[in-house]
N, C-alpha and C. Protein backbone atom coordinates (compact mmCIF):
# COMPACT_ATOMS: atom_id res chain seq x y z
N MET A 1 -66.24 -27.61 24.97
CA MET A 1 -66.61 -27.93 23.45
C MET A 1 -65.89 -28.96 22.60
N LEU A 2 -65.55 -29.02 21.51
CA LEU A 2 -64.91 -30.15 20.88
C LEU A 2 -63.61 -29.82 20.52
N SER A 3 -62.56 -30.49 20.12
CA SER A 3 -61.02 -30.16 20.03
C SER A 3 -61.17 -30.56 18.46
N ILE A 4 -60.81 -29.40 17.54
CA ILE A 4 -60.84 -29.11 16.14
C ILE A 4 -60.08 -30.20 15.66
N LEU A 5 -58.69 -29.54 16.58
CA LEU A 5 -57.47 -30.63 16.27
C LEU A 5 -57.31 -32.08 16.25
N GLU A 6 -58.51 -32.78 16.88
CA GLU A 6 -58.70 -33.98 16.77
C GLU A 6 -59.46 -34.39 15.44
N LEU A 7 -59.98 -33.78 14.78
CA LEU A 7 -60.92 -33.95 13.66
C LEU A 7 -59.70 -34.09 12.52
N ILE A 8 -60.03 -35.22 11.88
CA ILE A 8 -59.32 -35.48 10.62
C ILE A 8 -59.58 -34.59 9.70
N ASP A 9 -58.65 -34.60 8.28
CA ASP A 9 -58.71 -33.22 7.51
C ASP A 9 -60.09 -33.58 7.13
N SER A 10 -60.25 -34.91 6.46
CA SER A 10 -61.89 -35.04 5.65
C SER A 10 -63.01 -35.08 6.28
N GLY A 11 -63.07 -34.94 8.12
CA GLY A 11 -63.94 -35.38 8.92
C GLY A 11 -64.90 -33.97 9.04
N GLU A 12 -65.85 -34.73 9.10
CA GLU A 12 -67.35 -33.85 9.32
C GLU A 12 -67.99 -33.83 10.90
N ILE A 13 -68.62 -32.72 10.98
CA ILE A 13 -69.34 -32.82 12.28
C ILE A 13 -70.52 -32.35 12.14
N TRP A 14 -71.57 -33.43 12.24
CA TRP A 14 -72.82 -32.94 12.36
C TRP A 14 -73.49 -32.98 13.37
N ILE A 15 -74.21 -31.67 13.44
CA ILE A 15 -74.85 -31.42 14.76
C ILE A 15 -76.36 -31.07 14.63
N ALA A 16 -77.12 -31.63 15.57
CA ALA A 16 -78.74 -31.68 15.55
C ALA A 16 -79.10 -31.12 16.80
N GLU A 17 -79.84 -29.93 16.85
CA GLU A 17 -80.29 -29.39 18.01
C GLU A 17 -81.63 -28.55 18.43
N ILE A 18 -82.19 -29.05 19.07
CA ILE A 18 -83.23 -28.25 19.43
C ILE A 18 -83.19 -26.78 19.13
N LYS A 19 -84.33 -26.49 18.11
CA LYS A 19 -84.17 -24.80 18.24
C LYS A 19 -84.37 -24.07 19.14
N SER A 20 -84.92 -24.21 19.99
CA SER A 20 -85.65 -23.53 21.17
C SER A 20 -84.21 -22.85 22.30
N ARG A 21 -83.27 -24.04 22.13
CA ARG A 21 -81.78 -23.61 22.78
C ARG A 21 -80.90 -22.61 22.33
N PHE A 22 -81.22 -22.35 21.00
CA PHE A 22 -80.31 -21.27 20.75
C PHE A 22 -80.81 -19.76 21.13
N LEU A 23 -80.01 -18.96 21.69
CA LEU A 23 -80.02 -17.71 21.91
C LEU A 23 -80.53 -16.88 20.91
N ASP A 24 -79.59 -17.14 19.63
CA ASP A 24 -79.67 -16.67 18.36
C ASP A 24 -80.88 -17.01 17.33
N PRO A 25 -81.70 -16.92 17.30
CA PRO A 25 -82.91 -17.60 16.45
C PRO A 25 -82.60 -17.53 15.13
N SER A 26 -81.15 -17.08 14.29
CA SER A 26 -81.00 -16.89 13.15
C SER A 26 -79.63 -17.98 13.37
N PHE A 27 -79.54 -18.50 14.24
CA PHE A 27 -78.26 -19.15 14.40
C PHE A 27 -76.84 -19.01 14.15
N GLU A 28 -76.87 -17.50 13.63
CA GLU A 28 -75.56 -17.04 13.13
C GLU A 28 -74.58 -16.86 14.28
N SER A 29 -74.83 -16.70 15.74
CA SER A 29 -73.34 -16.95 16.34
C SER A 29 -72.90 -18.12 16.47
N PHE A 30 -73.90 -19.03 16.69
CA PHE A 30 -73.48 -20.47 17.01
C PHE A 30 -72.65 -21.00 15.51
N ILE A 31 -73.01 -20.65 14.47
CA ILE A 31 -72.15 -20.87 13.16
C ILE A 31 -70.68 -20.06 13.06
N THR A 32 -71.04 -19.08 13.49
CA THR A 32 -69.76 -17.92 13.52
C THR A 32 -68.86 -18.36 14.60
N GLY A 33 -69.18 -19.00 15.78
CA GLY A 33 -68.31 -19.64 16.80
C GLY A 33 -67.70 -20.95 16.36
N LEU A 34 -68.62 -21.56 15.58
CA LEU A 34 -67.81 -22.59 14.92
C LEU A 34 -66.77 -22.76 13.77
N LYS A 35 -67.17 -21.37 12.87
CA LYS A 35 -66.21 -20.98 11.83
C LYS A 35 -65.03 -20.59 12.45
N ASP A 36 -65.13 -19.83 13.76
CA ASP A 36 -63.75 -19.31 14.53
C ASP A 36 -63.05 -20.38 14.59
N MET A 37 -63.47 -21.46 15.08
CA MET A 37 -62.89 -22.67 15.73
C MET A 37 -61.99 -23.67 14.36
N GLY A 38 -62.19 -22.89 13.13
CA GLY A 38 -61.66 -23.75 11.75
C GLY A 38 -62.75 -24.59 11.06
N LEU A 39 -64.04 -24.40 11.10
CA LEU A 39 -64.78 -25.51 10.62
C LEU A 39 -65.32 -24.63 9.52
N ARG A 40 -66.17 -25.16 8.42
CA ARG A 40 -66.81 -24.45 7.38
C ARG A 40 -68.51 -25.05 7.33
N LEU A 41 -69.28 -24.53 7.33
CA LEU A 41 -70.79 -24.80 7.27
C LEU A 41 -70.74 -25.66 5.86
N ILE A 42 -71.61 -26.76 5.67
CA ILE A 42 -71.48 -27.37 4.37
C ILE A 42 -73.15 -27.37 4.15
N GLU A 43 -73.73 -27.33 5.13
CA GLU A 43 -75.51 -27.49 5.18
C GLU A 43 -76.23 -27.10 6.40
N LEU A 44 -76.87 -26.74 6.23
CA LEU A 44 -78.27 -25.97 7.59
C LEU A 44 -79.36 -26.19 6.96
N ASN A 45 -79.91 -27.24 7.62
CA ASN A 45 -81.36 -27.79 7.57
C ASN A 45 -82.20 -27.11 8.42
N LYS A 46 -83.16 -26.27 8.09
CA LYS A 46 -84.05 -25.65 9.68
C LYS A 46 -85.70 -26.15 9.31
N GLU A 47 -85.90 -26.77 7.90
CA GLU A 47 -86.89 -27.37 7.70
C GLU A 47 -87.90 -28.36 8.92
N GLU A 48 -87.04 -29.09 9.89
CA GLU A 48 -87.58 -29.74 11.02
C GLU A 48 -88.41 -28.57 11.93
N LYS A 49 -89.42 -28.75 12.11
CA LYS A 49 -90.37 -27.90 13.32
C LYS A 49 -89.43 -27.66 14.66
N MET A 50 -88.94 -28.68 15.05
CA MET A 50 -88.44 -28.52 16.44
C MET A 50 -86.77 -28.75 16.40
N PHE A 51 -86.16 -29.11 15.26
CA PHE A 51 -84.79 -29.24 15.33
C PHE A 51 -84.30 -28.40 14.07
N VAL A 52 -82.80 -28.41 14.55
CA VAL A 52 -82.19 -27.54 13.49
C VAL A 52 -80.69 -28.30 13.11
N ILE A 53 -80.65 -29.00 11.84
CA ILE A 53 -79.45 -29.79 11.65
C ILE A 53 -78.10 -28.97 10.81
N MET A 54 -77.24 -29.07 11.32
CA MET A 54 -75.82 -28.62 10.64
C MET A 54 -74.76 -29.70 10.22
N ARG A 55 -74.19 -29.05 9.35
CA ARG A 55 -73.38 -30.30 8.79
C ARG A 55 -72.30 -29.29 8.44
N PHE A 56 -70.93 -29.55 9.24
CA PHE A 56 -69.70 -28.77 9.17
C PHE A 56 -68.24 -29.75 8.56
N GLU A 57 -67.51 -29.19 8.11
CA GLU A 57 -66.34 -30.08 7.58
C GLU A 57 -65.06 -29.07 8.14
N ARG A 58 -63.81 -29.88 8.36
CA ARG A 58 -62.75 -28.93 9.13
C ARG A 58 -62.21 -28.06 7.86
N ALA A 59 -62.13 -26.84 7.83
CA ALA A 59 -61.15 -26.05 6.71
C ALA A 59 -60.19 -25.74 6.93
N GLU A 60 -59.50 -25.09 8.33
CA GLU A 60 -58.10 -25.44 8.90
C GLU A 60 -58.10 -25.49 10.33
N VAL A 61 -56.95 -25.48 10.37
CA VAL A 61 -56.11 -25.91 11.77
C VAL A 61 -56.18 -24.73 12.54
N VAL A 62 -57.18 -24.33 13.50
CA VAL A 62 -56.79 -23.23 13.95
C VAL A 62 -55.94 -23.55 15.69
N ARG A 63 -54.73 -22.99 15.46
CA ARG A 63 -53.75 -22.92 16.77
C ARG A 63 -54.75 -22.66 17.78
N GLY A 64 -54.90 -23.27 19.13
CA GLY A 64 -54.96 -22.38 20.13
C GLY A 64 -56.25 -23.11 20.49
N ASN A 65 -57.37 -23.10 19.40
CA ASN A 65 -58.50 -23.18 19.30
C ASN A 65 -59.65 -22.99 20.24
N ASP A 66 -59.11 -21.54 21.09
CA ASP A 66 -59.88 -20.83 21.91
C ASP A 66 -60.48 -19.75 21.30
N THR A 67 -61.78 -19.91 21.22
CA THR A 67 -62.61 -18.62 20.63
C THR A 67 -63.09 -17.77 21.55
N GLY A 68 -62.90 -17.99 23.02
CA GLY A 68 -63.72 -17.06 23.85
C GLY A 68 -65.07 -17.50 24.15
N LEU A 69 -65.74 -18.41 23.44
CA LEU A 69 -67.15 -18.55 23.42
C LEU A 69 -67.55 -19.84 24.22
N SER A 70 -68.27 -20.00 24.78
CA SER A 70 -68.48 -20.94 25.62
C SER A 70 -69.99 -21.28 25.37
N GLU A 71 -70.47 -22.74 25.88
CA GLU A 71 -71.64 -23.46 25.23
C GLU A 71 -72.69 -22.47 26.10
N GLU A 72 -72.31 -21.51 27.22
CA GLU A 72 -73.54 -20.69 27.83
C GLU A 72 -73.74 -19.70 26.97
N MET A 73 -72.82 -19.49 26.21
CA MET A 73 -72.91 -17.80 25.23
C MET A 73 -73.47 -18.40 24.06
N LEU A 74 -74.04 -19.48 23.57
CA LEU A 74 -74.73 -19.77 22.53
C LEU A 74 -75.79 -20.50 22.62
N LEU A 75 -76.06 -21.10 23.70
CA LEU A 75 -77.17 -22.21 24.02
C LEU A 75 -77.68 -22.17 25.27
N LYS A 76 -78.98 -22.02 25.44
CA LYS A 76 -79.88 -21.84 26.46
C LYS A 76 -79.38 -23.32 27.31
N ALA A 77 -79.80 -23.36 28.26
CA ALA A 77 -79.73 -24.89 29.75
C ALA A 77 -80.98 -25.56 29.12
N CYS A 78 -80.70 -26.85 28.75
CA CYS A 78 -81.69 -27.92 28.75
C CYS A 78 -82.44 -27.79 30.03
N LEU A 79 -84.07 -27.53 29.80
CA LEU A 79 -84.63 -27.57 31.10
C LEU A 79 -85.84 -28.75 30.73
N TYR A 80 -85.70 -29.53 31.84
CA TYR A 80 -86.48 -30.87 31.92
C TYR A 80 -87.53 -30.62 32.75
N LYS A 81 -88.98 -30.91 31.95
CA LYS A 81 -90.35 -30.85 32.91
C LYS A 81 -90.56 -32.22 33.65
N LYS A 82 -90.91 -31.85 34.94
CA LYS A 82 -91.28 -33.26 35.76
C LYS A 82 -92.66 -33.49 35.49
N ARG A 83 -92.90 -34.65 35.00
CA ARG A 83 -94.37 -35.51 35.01
C ARG A 83 -94.67 -36.28 35.69
């Protein structure tokens, strides 16, 4: 994932992801994972039909930056259809 230690103090992270990739349809486990990494949720937009848009800011520096979470624990793999 990303390194929060590299994010400047006033920095923001915007995440736009396809809704169907989230294992948790409420997005709470994903948000909690990022909160554990020292980020604070500023905005959550679920109004789009296919995407969710999240905006986070750096809340604190978490040393070690290892929450034990991996992308596979939070998101489903991208599957591409052959056409």
